[in-house]
N, C-alpha and C. Protein backbone atom coordinates (compact mmCIF):
# COMPACT_ATOMS: atom_id res chain seq x y z
N LEU A 1 73.31 -76.96 -62.79
CA LEU A 1 74.32 -77.61 -63.61
C LEU A 1 75.35 -76.60 -64.11
N LEU A 2 74.90 -75.40 -64.48
CA LEU A 2 75.84 -74.41 -64.98
C LEU A 2 76.75 -73.87 -63.89
N GLU A 3 76.30 -73.93 -62.63
CA GLU A 3 77.17 -73.49 -61.54
C GLU A 3 78.29 -74.50 -61.33
N GLN A 4 78.00 -75.77 -61.52
CA GLN A 4 79.03 -76.79 -61.34
C GLN A 4 79.94 -76.89 -62.57
N GLN A 5 79.35 -76.78 -63.74
CA GLN A 5 80.11 -76.84 -64.98
C GLN A 5 79.71 -75.65 -65.85
N PRO A 6 80.49 -74.58 -65.83
CA PRO A 6 80.10 -73.36 -66.53
C PRO A 6 79.94 -73.53 -68.05
N PHE A 7 80.62 -74.50 -68.63
CA PHE A 7 80.55 -74.67 -70.08
C PHE A 7 79.69 -75.87 -70.46
N ALA A 8 78.74 -76.25 -69.59
CA ALA A 8 77.88 -77.40 -69.86
C ALA A 8 76.94 -77.13 -71.04
N ASP A 9 76.61 -75.88 -71.28
CA ASP A 9 75.70 -75.59 -72.39
C ASP A 9 76.37 -75.79 -73.75
N ALA A 10 77.69 -75.91 -73.78
CA ALA A 10 78.39 -76.17 -75.03
C ALA A 10 78.56 -77.66 -75.29
N ASP A 11 78.20 -78.50 -74.32
CA ASP A 11 78.33 -79.94 -74.46
C ASP A 11 77.05 -80.51 -75.05
N ASP A 12 77.13 -81.07 -76.23
CA ASP A 12 75.94 -81.57 -76.92
C ASP A 12 75.37 -82.82 -76.28
N SER A 13 76.11 -83.50 -75.43
CA SER A 13 75.60 -84.73 -74.83
C SER A 13 74.49 -84.45 -73.81
N PHE A 14 74.35 -83.22 -73.35
CA PHE A 14 73.31 -82.87 -72.40
C PHE A 14 71.96 -82.56 -73.07
N PHE A 15 71.94 -82.46 -74.38
CA PHE A 15 70.74 -82.06 -75.10
C PHE A 15 70.19 -83.23 -75.91
N GLU A 16 68.87 -83.26 -76.04
CA GLU A 16 68.24 -84.25 -76.89
C GLU A 16 68.35 -83.79 -78.34
N GLU A 17 68.64 -84.73 -79.22
CA GLU A 17 68.75 -84.38 -80.62
C GLU A 17 67.36 -84.34 -81.25
N GLU A 18 67.09 -83.27 -81.98
CA GLU A 18 65.79 -83.11 -82.62
C GLU A 18 65.69 -84.01 -83.85
N ALA A 19 64.48 -84.37 -84.19
CA ALA A 19 64.26 -85.19 -85.38
C ALA A 19 64.59 -84.39 -86.64
N TYR A 20 65.10 -85.09 -87.63
CA TYR A 20 65.43 -84.45 -88.90
C TYR A 20 64.17 -84.37 -89.74
N GLY A 21 63.70 -83.16 -89.97
CA GLY A 21 62.44 -82.96 -90.69
C GLY A 21 62.61 -82.07 -91.89
N THR A 22 61.51 -81.56 -92.37
CA THR A 22 61.51 -80.73 -93.56
C THR A 22 62.26 -79.42 -93.34
N VAL A 23 62.05 -78.81 -92.19
CA VAL A 23 62.74 -77.54 -91.91
C VAL A 23 64.24 -77.75 -91.82
N SER A 24 64.66 -78.84 -91.20
CA SER A 24 66.09 -79.15 -91.11
C SER A 24 66.68 -79.35 -92.50
N ALA A 25 65.94 -80.01 -93.37
CA ALA A 25 66.42 -80.23 -94.74
C ALA A 25 66.52 -78.91 -95.50
N LEU A 26 65.54 -78.02 -95.34
CA LEU A 26 65.58 -76.73 -96.03
C LEU A 26 66.72 -75.86 -95.52
N LEU A 27 67.03 -75.97 -94.24
CA LEU A 27 68.12 -75.18 -93.67
C LEU A 27 69.48 -75.79 -93.95
N GLY A 28 69.51 -77.01 -94.45
CA GLY A 28 70.77 -77.66 -94.77
C GLY A 28 71.51 -78.20 -93.57
N GLU A 29 70.79 -78.50 -92.50
CA GLU A 29 71.44 -79.05 -91.32
C GLU A 29 71.96 -80.45 -91.61
N ARG A 30 73.13 -80.75 -91.12
CA ARG A 30 73.81 -82.04 -91.30
C ARG A 30 74.08 -82.36 -92.77
N ALA A 31 74.14 -81.36 -93.60
CA ALA A 31 74.41 -81.59 -95.02
C ALA A 31 75.91 -81.62 -95.26
N LYS A 32 76.31 -82.46 -96.18
CA LYS A 32 77.72 -82.56 -96.56
C LYS A 32 77.99 -81.56 -97.68
N PRO A 33 79.21 -81.07 -97.79
CA PRO A 33 79.53 -80.15 -98.88
C PRO A 33 79.31 -80.81 -100.25
N PHE A 34 78.85 -80.03 -101.20
CA PHE A 34 78.61 -80.51 -102.55
C PHE A 34 79.78 -80.08 -103.42
N ILE A 35 80.53 -81.03 -103.93
CA ILE A 35 81.73 -80.79 -104.73
C ILE A 35 82.68 -79.84 -104.00
N GLY A 36 82.79 -79.99 -102.71
CA GLY A 36 83.68 -79.17 -101.91
C GLY A 36 83.14 -77.80 -101.54
N ILE A 37 81.92 -77.48 -101.95
CA ILE A 37 81.33 -76.17 -101.65
C ILE A 37 80.41 -76.33 -100.45
N PRO A 38 80.61 -75.58 -99.37
CA PRO A 38 79.73 -75.69 -98.20
C PRO A 38 78.29 -75.27 -98.54
N THR A 39 77.37 -75.65 -97.67
CA THR A 39 75.96 -75.40 -97.95
C THR A 39 75.59 -73.92 -97.90
N GLY A 40 76.28 -73.12 -97.11
CA GLY A 40 75.96 -71.69 -97.01
C GLY A 40 76.05 -70.97 -98.34
N PRO A 41 77.21 -71.03 -99.02
CA PRO A 41 77.30 -70.36 -100.33
C PRO A 41 76.34 -70.93 -101.37
N LEU A 42 76.05 -72.23 -101.29
CA LEU A 42 75.09 -72.81 -102.23
C LEU A 42 73.69 -72.24 -102.01
N GLN A 43 73.30 -72.10 -100.75
CA GLN A 43 71.98 -71.55 -100.46
C GLN A 43 71.89 -70.09 -100.90
N VAL A 44 72.94 -69.32 -100.66
CA VAL A 44 72.94 -67.91 -101.06
C VAL A 44 72.88 -67.81 -102.58
N GLY A 45 73.65 -68.64 -103.27
CA GLY A 45 73.65 -68.61 -104.73
C GLY A 45 72.29 -68.96 -105.33
N HIS A 46 71.64 -69.96 -104.76
CA HIS A 46 70.32 -70.33 -105.26
C HIS A 46 69.29 -69.24 -104.96
N PHE A 47 69.42 -68.58 -103.82
CA PHE A 47 68.50 -67.49 -103.48
C PHE A 47 68.67 -66.32 -104.45
N VAL A 48 69.91 -65.97 -104.76
CA VAL A 48 70.17 -64.89 -105.71
C VAL A 48 69.64 -65.27 -107.09
N GLY A 49 69.82 -66.53 -107.48
CA GLY A 49 69.29 -66.99 -108.76
C GLY A 49 67.77 -66.92 -108.81
N ALA A 50 67.11 -67.28 -107.71
CA ALA A 50 65.65 -67.20 -107.66
C ALA A 50 65.18 -65.75 -107.75
N LEU A 51 65.90 -64.84 -107.09
CA LEU A 51 65.55 -63.41 -107.22
C LEU A 51 65.74 -62.92 -108.65
N GLY A 52 66.78 -63.41 -109.31
CA GLY A 52 66.99 -63.04 -110.71
C GLY A 52 65.86 -63.53 -111.60
N LEU A 53 65.36 -64.75 -111.35
CA LEU A 53 64.23 -65.27 -112.12
C LEU A 53 62.97 -64.44 -111.88
N LEU A 54 62.74 -64.05 -110.63
CA LEU A 54 61.58 -63.20 -110.34
C LEU A 54 61.71 -61.85 -111.04
N LEU A 55 62.91 -61.30 -111.05
CA LEU A 55 63.15 -60.03 -111.73
C LEU A 55 62.86 -60.17 -113.22
N MET A 56 63.36 -61.25 -113.83
CA MET A 56 63.15 -61.44 -115.27
C MET A 56 61.69 -61.68 -115.60
N ALA A 57 60.95 -62.32 -114.70
CA ALA A 57 59.57 -62.69 -115.00
C ALA A 57 58.60 -61.54 -114.80
N TYR A 58 58.81 -60.71 -113.79
CA TYR A 58 57.76 -59.76 -113.41
C TYR A 58 58.11 -58.29 -113.60
N VAL A 59 59.37 -57.96 -113.85
CA VAL A 59 59.77 -56.55 -114.00
C VAL A 59 60.08 -56.30 -115.47
N GLU A 60 59.56 -55.22 -115.99
CA GLU A 60 59.85 -54.84 -117.37
C GLU A 60 60.44 -53.44 -117.38
N TYR A 61 61.73 -53.36 -117.70
CA TYR A 61 62.44 -52.09 -117.74
C TYR A 61 63.15 -52.01 -119.09
N PRO A 62 62.72 -51.16 -120.00
CA PRO A 62 63.31 -51.11 -121.35
C PRO A 62 64.80 -50.81 -121.30
N GLY A 63 65.55 -51.58 -122.07
CA GLY A 63 66.99 -51.38 -122.16
C GLY A 63 67.80 -52.20 -121.18
N PHE A 64 67.17 -52.79 -120.18
CA PHE A 64 67.89 -53.62 -119.22
C PHE A 64 67.80 -55.07 -119.70
N PRO A 65 68.94 -55.72 -120.00
CA PRO A 65 68.90 -57.03 -120.65
C PRO A 65 68.18 -58.12 -119.85
N LEU A 66 68.21 -58.06 -118.55
CA LEU A 66 67.54 -59.10 -117.76
C LEU A 66 66.03 -59.01 -117.84
N THR A 67 65.51 -57.82 -118.07
CA THR A 67 64.06 -57.65 -118.10
C THR A 67 63.53 -57.43 -119.51
N ASN A 68 64.40 -57.42 -120.48
CA ASN A 68 64.01 -57.18 -121.87
C ASN A 68 63.83 -58.53 -122.57
N LEU A 69 62.85 -59.31 -122.12
CA LEU A 69 62.63 -60.65 -122.64
C LEU A 69 61.44 -60.68 -123.58
N PRO A 70 61.42 -61.64 -124.52
CA PRO A 70 60.23 -61.82 -125.35
C PRO A 70 59.04 -62.26 -124.49
N THR A 71 57.85 -61.91 -124.93
CA THR A 71 56.64 -62.21 -124.16
C THR A 71 56.45 -63.70 -123.90
N PRO A 72 56.68 -64.62 -124.87
CA PRO A 72 56.48 -66.04 -124.55
C PRO A 72 57.42 -66.54 -123.44
N LEU A 73 58.65 -66.05 -123.44
CA LEU A 73 59.59 -66.47 -122.40
C LEU A 73 59.19 -65.89 -121.05
N ARG A 74 58.73 -64.66 -121.03
CA ARG A 74 58.27 -64.04 -119.79
C ARG A 74 57.05 -64.78 -119.24
N ASP A 75 56.12 -65.16 -120.12
CA ASP A 75 54.95 -65.93 -119.68
C ASP A 75 55.35 -67.29 -119.14
N CYS A 76 56.36 -67.91 -119.74
CA CYS A 76 56.84 -69.20 -119.26
C CYS A 76 57.43 -69.08 -117.86
N LEU A 77 58.19 -68.02 -117.60
CA LEU A 77 58.77 -67.82 -116.27
C LEU A 77 57.72 -67.50 -115.22
N GLN A 78 56.63 -66.86 -115.64
CA GLN A 78 55.56 -66.54 -114.70
C GLN A 78 54.73 -67.76 -114.34
N GLY A 79 54.83 -68.80 -115.12
CA GLY A 79 54.12 -70.04 -114.79
C GLY A 79 52.86 -70.11 -115.51
């Protein structure tokens, strides 16, 4: 097929569409922009936020405002 049509691999009509599952939802496939923001920056922002929460919950560095939390709040973030 590629010898007859060199760009056939770019045509989606030749491929079966995969079922939309949990992995597709986590990757944001077929997602519409949220308030005009594409899914890529939203995923990166949430990942950075999750890393910040982990930093605040498990790292204690005196003088650094993100890790200088009261013990009850730190215990709450740790679950």
